Amino acid sequence: MRAVNMLRWFKCDAVSLFVVFPGLRCRFWSSGTDSMHERQKQLMARGLPKQKPIAGVKKVIVVASGKGGVGKSTTAVNLALALSVNDTTKTVGLLDADIYGPSIPRMMNLKGNPELTDKNLMRPLLNYGIACMSMGFLVEETAPVVWRGLMVMSAIEKLLRQVDWGHLDYLVIDMPPGTGDVQLSISQNIPISGAVIVSTPQDIALLDAHKGAEMFRKINVPVLGLVQNMSVFQCPKCKHKTHIFGSDGTRTLAKHLGLEVLGDVPLHIRIRETSDQGTPIVIAEAESEEAQAYVSLAAEVVKRLSSFPA
């Protein structure tokens, strides 16, 4: 009866509901265990779209969080830059999939409308050696994007399929917070090499980070690990360290999920200032401890990617 009520609430069929809740037991499904599994396979085959790689892109890394305000976009930007810094032979792109709150244009110090190729594809804007695409290039910086879900999905499709990325070794996608339509659409339409989950050590943020990790697992996206952001604040005068958002909560969650913590990033004013100025810390202060935290993170991401099939 509960399954039927949920079907009415979501106003969708059993196939789409099963994609979101693979463990759900609907009473009109076959009763035996073997027949249940067979029915699930049939539903998954019908319910999931066929994945199609992005032309020219070798590996896609999504940077996600269950909750906004945990530093996900800052992490995505500096991760992309650090991937390039760690290996200058690699080409890196950065896609801003946050339609309602695009941050990449400001953080990467980019403005202007993308040019179109002869094939009517958008050319990414380039800075610091990173090819970037964002909804923020297509609307005014202060203009709100007041769209319903279908329009958002259409915009995501265009950002994925109608961009001439050239040849990229890594495409880093800055996902919007949460576990909604955009996350599902991207994850089910393109092959993703791995997901990086960003969280502060705060219990409230960790609850949503847990949901984000579980979502990717349910849709068969490898979770590379967690990033413990804003892990500690060090007073610039007395050097005393304070764990404002708690101590090692992300490590506890990672252990519970059987995952690794890919890196610890401190709460530091220069990370915020350089992001706002459009010169991220990896570029502005490459030798600083804060920048090196992202460089180490990028190295761990590459290491983890090598442990999953291409």
Protein backbone atom coordinates (compact mmCIF):
# COMPACT_ATOMS: atom_id res chain seq x y z
CA MET A 1 0.00 0.00 0.00
CA ARG A 2 2.88 2.38 0.77
CA ALA A 3 4.31 1.92 -2.72
CA VAL A 4 0.96 2.74 -4.31
CA ASN A 5 0.67 5.90 -2.22
CA MET A 6 4.14 6.99 -3.31
CA LEU A 7 3.20 6.41 -6.93
CA ARG A 8 0.21 8.72 -6.53
CA TRP A 9 2.29 11.32 -4.72
CA PHE A 10 5.01 11.44 -7.38
CA LYS A 11 2.49 11.08 -10.24
CA CYS A 12 4.88 8.84 -12.14
CA ASP A 13 5.01 5.23 -13.24
CA ALA A 14 6.75 2.35 -11.52
CA VAL A 15 9.71 2.52 -13.88
CA SER A 16 10.73 6.09 -13.06
CA LEU A 17 10.05 5.59 -9.37
CA PHE A 18 12.22 2.48 -9.33
CA VAL A 19 15.10 4.42 -10.88
CA VAL A 20 15.03 6.76 -7.88
CA PHE A 21 14.22 4.11 -5.25
CA PRO A 22 15.78 0.85 -6.50
CA GLY A 23 14.98 -0.92 -3.22
CA LEU A 24 11.27 -0.15 -3.39
CA ARG A 25 8.90 -3.14 -3.29
CA CYS A 26 5.72 -2.60 -5.29
CA ARG A 27 2.95 -5.09 -4.57
CA PHE A 28 2.17 -5.60 -8.28
CA TRP A 29 5.69 -6.95 -8.87
CA SER A 30 6.34 -10.70 -9.02
CA SER A 31 6.47 -12.29 -5.59
CA GLY A 32 9.46 -14.69 -5.82
CA THR A 33 13.02 -13.48 -5.25
CA ASP A 34 14.27 -14.66 -8.65
CA SER A 35 11.33 -13.17 -10.51
CA MET A 36 11.71 -9.95 -8.49
CA HIS A 37 15.33 -9.58 -9.60
CA GLU A 38 14.40 -10.32 -13.19
CA ARG A 39 11.64 -7.72 -13.05
CA GLN A 40 14.07 -5.19 -11.60
CA LYS A 41 16.50 -5.80 -14.48
CA GLN A 42 13.72 -5.25 -16.98
CA LEU A 43 12.64 -2.03 -15.31
CA MET A 44 16.18 -0.72 -15.16
CA ALA A 45 16.71 -1.54 -18.84
CA ARG A 46 13.55 0.38 -19.74
CA GLY A 47 13.91 3.21 -17.22
CA LEU A 48 17.54 4.30 -17.73
CA PRO A 49 18.55 6.21 -20.86
CA LYS A 50 21.45 4.91 -22.91
CA GLN A 51 24.63 6.69 -21.86
CA LYS A 52 26.52 8.51 -24.58
CA PRO A 53 30.04 9.89 -23.99
CA ILE A 54 30.76 13.58 -24.52
CA ALA A 55 32.70 13.91 -27.75
CA GLY A 56 36.43 14.36 -27.14
CA VAL A 57 36.26 13.88 -23.35
CA LYS A 58 38.17 10.97 -21.82
CA LYS A 59 37.17 11.16 -18.14
CA VAL A 60 34.33 12.99 -16.39
CA ILE A 61 34.64 13.88 -12.70
CA VAL A 62 31.59 15.26 -10.91
CA VAL A 63 32.03 17.36 -7.78
CA ALA A 64 28.89 17.20 -5.67
CA SER A 65 27.47 17.91 -2.25
CA GLY A 66 24.22 17.15 -0.55
CA LYS A 67 23.97 20.68 0.82
CA GLY A 68 24.80 24.13 -0.49
CA GLY A 69 27.34 26.39 1.18
CA VAL A 70 29.99 23.74 1.89
CA GLY A 71 32.51 25.03 -0.67
CA LYS A 72 31.69 22.68 -3.54
CA SER A 73 32.26 25.17 -6.36
CA THR A 74 35.49 26.43 -4.83
CA THR A 75 36.64 22.83 -4.60
CA ALA A 76 35.64 22.10 -8.21
CA VAL A 77 37.52 25.13 -9.55
CA ASN A 78 40.70 24.46 -7.61
CA LEU A 79 40.52 20.73 -8.38
CA ALA A 80 40.38 21.46 -12.11
CA LEU A 81 43.32 23.84 -11.84
CA ALA A 82 45.30 21.41 -9.68
CA LEU A 83 44.75 18.59 -12.18
CA SER A 84 46.34 20.81 -14.82
CA VAL A 85 49.18 21.92 -12.52
CA ASN A 86 50.02 18.34 -11.52
CA ASP A 87 50.40 17.23 -15.13
CA THR A 88 50.81 19.97 -17.73
CA THR A 89 50.40 17.43 -20.53
CA LYS A 90 46.76 16.92 -19.55
CA THR A 91 43.94 19.10 -20.86
CA VAL A 92 41.19 20.00 -18.41
CA GLY A 93 37.71 21.42 -18.79
CA LEU A 94 35.25 22.79 -16.24
CA LEU A 95 31.46 22.64 -16.64
CA ASP A 96 29.20 24.64 -14.34
CA ALA A 97 26.01 22.58 -14.06
CA ASP A 98 24.45 24.82 -11.41
CA ILE A 99 21.85 26.52 -13.59
CA TYR A 100 20.29 28.62 -10.82
CA GLY A 101 23.51 29.76 -9.14
CA PRO A 102 26.48 29.61 -11.54
CA SER A 103 29.77 30.49 -9.82
CA ILE A 104 32.40 29.53 -12.39
CA PRO A 105 32.39 32.84 -14.35
CA ARG A 106 33.31 34.88 -11.27
CA MET A 107 35.80 32.38 -9.84
CA MET A 108 37.56 31.87 -13.18
CA ASN A 109 37.43 35.60 -14.06
CA LEU A 110 35.55 35.02 -17.30
CA LYS A 111 32.89 37.14 -19.02
CA GLY A 112 31.23 37.20 -22.40
CA ASN A 113 29.12 35.02 -24.64
CA PRO A 114 30.59 31.84 -26.14
CA GLU A 115 31.29 31.90 -29.86
CA LEU A 116 29.68 29.37 -32.18
CA THR A 117 31.52 26.97 -34.46
CA ASP A 118 30.50 26.16 -38.03
CA LYS A 119 28.57 23.21 -36.59
CA ASN A 120 26.62 25.55 -34.29
CA LEU A 121 28.44 24.33 -31.16
CA MET A 122 29.45 26.70 -28.37
CA ARG A 123 33.16 27.23 -27.79
CA PRO A 124 34.18 27.18 -24.11
CA LEU A 125 35.79 30.27 -22.65
CA LEU A 126 39.40 29.78 -21.62
CA ASN A 127 41.41 31.04 -18.64
CA TYR A 128 44.38 29.64 -16.70
CA GLY A 129 44.51 26.90 -19.34
CA ILE A 130 41.06 25.57 -18.38
CA ALA A 131 38.19 25.40 -20.88
CA CYS A 132 35.01 26.58 -19.11
CA MET A 133 31.31 26.54 -19.85
CA SER A 134 28.54 27.92 -17.66
CA MET A 135 24.99 29.17 -17.79
CA GLY A 136 26.53 32.33 -16.35
CA PHE A 137 28.03 33.10 -19.78
CA LEU A 138 24.56 33.19 -21.32
CA VAL A 139 22.74 35.48 -18.85
CA GLU A 140 23.60 38.66 -17.00
CA GLU A 141 25.49 38.11 -13.74
CA THR A 142 22.69 39.50 -11.57
CA ALA A 143 19.81 38.09 -13.64
CA PRO A 144 17.90 35.28 -11.90
CA VAL A 145 17.18 32.10 -13.85
CA VAL A 146 13.49 31.58 -13.11
CA TRP A 147 12.86 28.29 -14.87
CA ARG A 148 10.85 25.17 -14.29
CA GLY A 149 12.37 21.70 -14.43
CA LEU A 150 11.89 21.01 -18.15
CA MET A 151 13.72 24.17 -19.15
CA VAL A 152 16.55 23.37 -16.76
CA MET A 153 16.86 19.88 -18.25
CA SER A 154 16.97 21.39 -21.74
CA ALA A 155 19.76 23.75 -20.66
CA ILE A 156 21.74 20.88 -19.14
CA GLU A 157 21.38 18.90 -22.37
CA LYS A 158 22.75 21.83 -24.36
CA LEU A 159 25.67 22.34 -21.97
CA LEU A 160 26.53 18.65 -22.29
CA ARG A 161 25.96 18.07 -26.00
CA GLN A 162 26.23 21.43 -27.77
CA VAL A 163 29.70 22.47 -26.60
CA ASP A 164 32.86 21.94 -28.62
CA TRP A 165 35.19 20.75 -25.84
CA GLY A 166 37.94 19.72 -28.24
CA HIS A 167 40.05 16.98 -26.67
CA LEU A 168 39.98 16.82 -22.86
CA ASP A 169 41.67 14.38 -20.53
CA TYR A 170 39.44 15.50 -17.65
CA LEU A 171 36.12 17.32 -17.53
CA VAL A 172 35.25 18.48 -14.02
CA ILE A 173 31.52 19.11 -13.55
CA ASP A 174 30.44 21.40 -10.72
CA MET A 175 27.08 19.88 -9.82
CA PRO A 176 24.28 21.81 -8.08
CA PRO A 177 23.69 20.85 -4.44
CA GLY A 178 21.20 18.14 -3.65
CA THR A 179 20.04 14.89 -5.27
CA GLY A 180 17.48 16.04 -7.79
CA ASP A 181 16.71 16.11 -11.51
CA VAL A 182 20.01 17.62 -12.66
CA GLN A 183 22.13 15.09 -10.80
CA LEU A 184 20.07 12.18 -12.13
CA SER A 185 19.96 13.53 -15.68
CA ILE A 186 23.72 14.05 -15.92
CA SER A 187 24.58 10.77 -14.20
CA GLN A 188 22.25 8.71 -16.39
CA ASN A 189 23.07 10.35 -19.74
CA ILE A 190 26.87 10.41 -19.76
CA PRO A 191 29.44 7.92 -18.44
CA ILE A 192 30.98 9.37 -15.27
CA SER A 193 34.43 8.22 -14.21
CA GLY A 194 33.93 9.18 -10.58
CA ALA A 195 32.18 11.43 -8.08
CA VAL A 196 33.84 13.57 -5.41
CA ILE A 197 31.61 14.44 -2.44
CA VAL A 198 32.37 17.69 -0.62
CA SER A 199 31.25 18.34 2.96
CA THR A 200 32.20 20.25 6.05
CA PRO A 201 32.66 18.17 9.22
CA GLN A 202 29.38 19.53 10.59
CA ASP A 203 26.72 16.93 11.40
CA ILE A 204 24.00 18.75 9.44
CA ALA A 205 26.14 18.87 6.29
CA LEU A 206 27.21 15.24 6.72
CA LEU A 207 23.60 14.04 6.72
CA ASP A 208 23.16 15.38 3.20
CA ALA A 209 26.63 14.30 2.07
CA HIS A 210 25.64 10.76 3.06
CA LYS A 211 22.54 11.01 0.86
CA GLY A 212 24.61 12.32 -2.03
CA ALA A 213 27.05 9.43 -1.84
CA GLU A 214 24.24 6.90 -1.66
CA MET A 215 22.52 8.45 -4.68
CA PHE A 216 25.61 7.98 -6.84
CA ARG A 217 25.97 4.42 -5.65
CA LYS A 218 22.35 3.63 -6.54
CA ILE A 219 22.86 4.83 -10.10
CA ASN A 220 26.20 3.01 -10.41
CA VAL A 221 28.50 6.03 -10.42
CA PRO A 222 31.83 5.27 -8.69
CA VAL A 223 32.32 7.44 -5.60
CA LEU A 224 36.03 8.31 -5.47
CA GLY A 225 35.85 9.63 -1.92
CA LEU A 226 35.00 12.59 0.29
CA VAL A 227 36.61 16.00 0.75
CA GLN A 228 36.61 17.44 4.26
CA ASN A 229 36.28 21.15 3.54
CA MET A 230 36.71 23.98 6.07
CA SER A 231 38.24 21.36 8.36
CA VAL A 232 40.10 23.72 10.68
CA PHE A 233 40.65 27.44 11.25
CA GLN A 234 44.06 28.69 12.37
CA CYS A 235 44.23 32.13 13.98
CA PRO A 236 46.67 34.23 11.92
CA LYS A 237 48.02 35.88 15.08
CA CYS A 238 48.33 33.24 17.78
CA LYS A 239 48.25 30.20 15.42
CA HIS A 240 45.69 28.44 17.62
CA LYS A 241 43.63 25.93 15.64
CA THR A 242 39.86 25.78 16.07
CA HIS A 243 37.56 23.18 14.52
CA ILE A 244 34.64 25.52 13.90
CA PHE A 245 32.48 22.92 12.11
CA GLY A 246 33.58 19.96 14.20
CA SER A 247 36.54 17.62 14.11
CA ASP A 248 36.90 14.80 11.57
CA GLY A 249 33.19 14.24 11.02
CA THR A 250 33.84 13.63 7.33
CA ARG A 251 36.37 10.93 8.19
CA THR A 252 33.81 9.20 10.36
CA LEU A 253 31.27 9.26 7.54
CA ALA A 254 33.84 8.02 5.02
CA LYS A 255 34.68 5.08 7.25
CA HIS A 256 30.99 4.28 7.62
CA LEU A 257 30.56 4.31 3.83
CA GLY A 258 33.74 2.35 3.19
CA LEU A 259 35.29 5.31 1.36
CA GLU A 260 38.46 7.37 1.65
CA VAL A 261 38.90 11.02 2.56
CA LEU A 262 40.63 12.44 -0.50
CA GLY A 263 41.80 15.59 1.24
CA ASP A 264 41.43 18.12 4.04
CA VAL A 265 41.02 21.77 3.08
CA PRO A 266 41.28 24.38 5.87
CA LEU A 267 38.96 27.32 6.46
CA HIS A 268 41.19 30.17 5.32
CA ILE A 269 40.44 33.73 4.30
CA ARG A 270 42.76 33.61 1.29
CA ILE A 271 40.79 30.77 -0.28
CA ARG A 272 37.69 32.94 -0.10
CA GLU A 273 39.42 36.16 -1.22
CA THR A 274 41.18 34.62 -4.21
CA SER A 275 37.97 32.92 -5.35
CA ASP A 276 36.05 36.20 -5.19
CA GLN A 277 38.85 37.96 -7.08
CA GLY A 278 38.81 35.44 -9.91
CA THR A 279 42.33 34.16 -9.21
CA PRO A 280 41.81 30.87 -7.33
CA ILE A 281 44.31 29.96 -4.63
CA VAL A 282 46.00 27.29 -6.78
CA ILE A 283 46.91 30.10 -9.22
CA ALA A 284 47.31 33.07 -6.89
CA GLU A 285 49.42 31.43 -4.17
CA ALA A 286 50.58 28.16 -5.67
CA GLU A 287 53.13 27.39 -2.94
CA SER A 288 50.85 28.08 0.00
CA GLU A 289 49.61 25.28 2.26
CA GLU A 290 46.06 26.00 1.16
CA ALA A 291 46.91 25.59 -2.54
CA GLN A 292 48.89 22.45 -1.82
CA ALA A 293 45.81 20.96 -0.16
CA TYR A 294 44.07 21.10 -3.55
CA VAL A 295 47.16 19.82 -5.36
CA SER A 296 47.21 16.80 -3.03
CA LEU A 297 43.47 16.35 -3.55
CA ALA A 298 43.94 16.27 -7.34
CA ALA A 299 46.68 13.66 -7.01
CA GLU A 300 44.39 11.46 -4.90
CA VAL A 301 41.56 11.82 -7.42
CA VAL A 302 43.82 10.68 -10.27
CA LYS A 303 45.06 7.80 -8.14
CA ARG A 304 41.51 6.68 -7.38
CA LEU A 305 40.43 7.02 -11.01
CA SER A 306 43.13 4.55 -12.02
CA SER A 307 41.55 1.93 -9.75
CA PHE A 308 38.25 2.00 -11.66
CA PRO A 309 37.72 0.66 -15.19
CA ALA A 310 37.95 3.30 -17.89
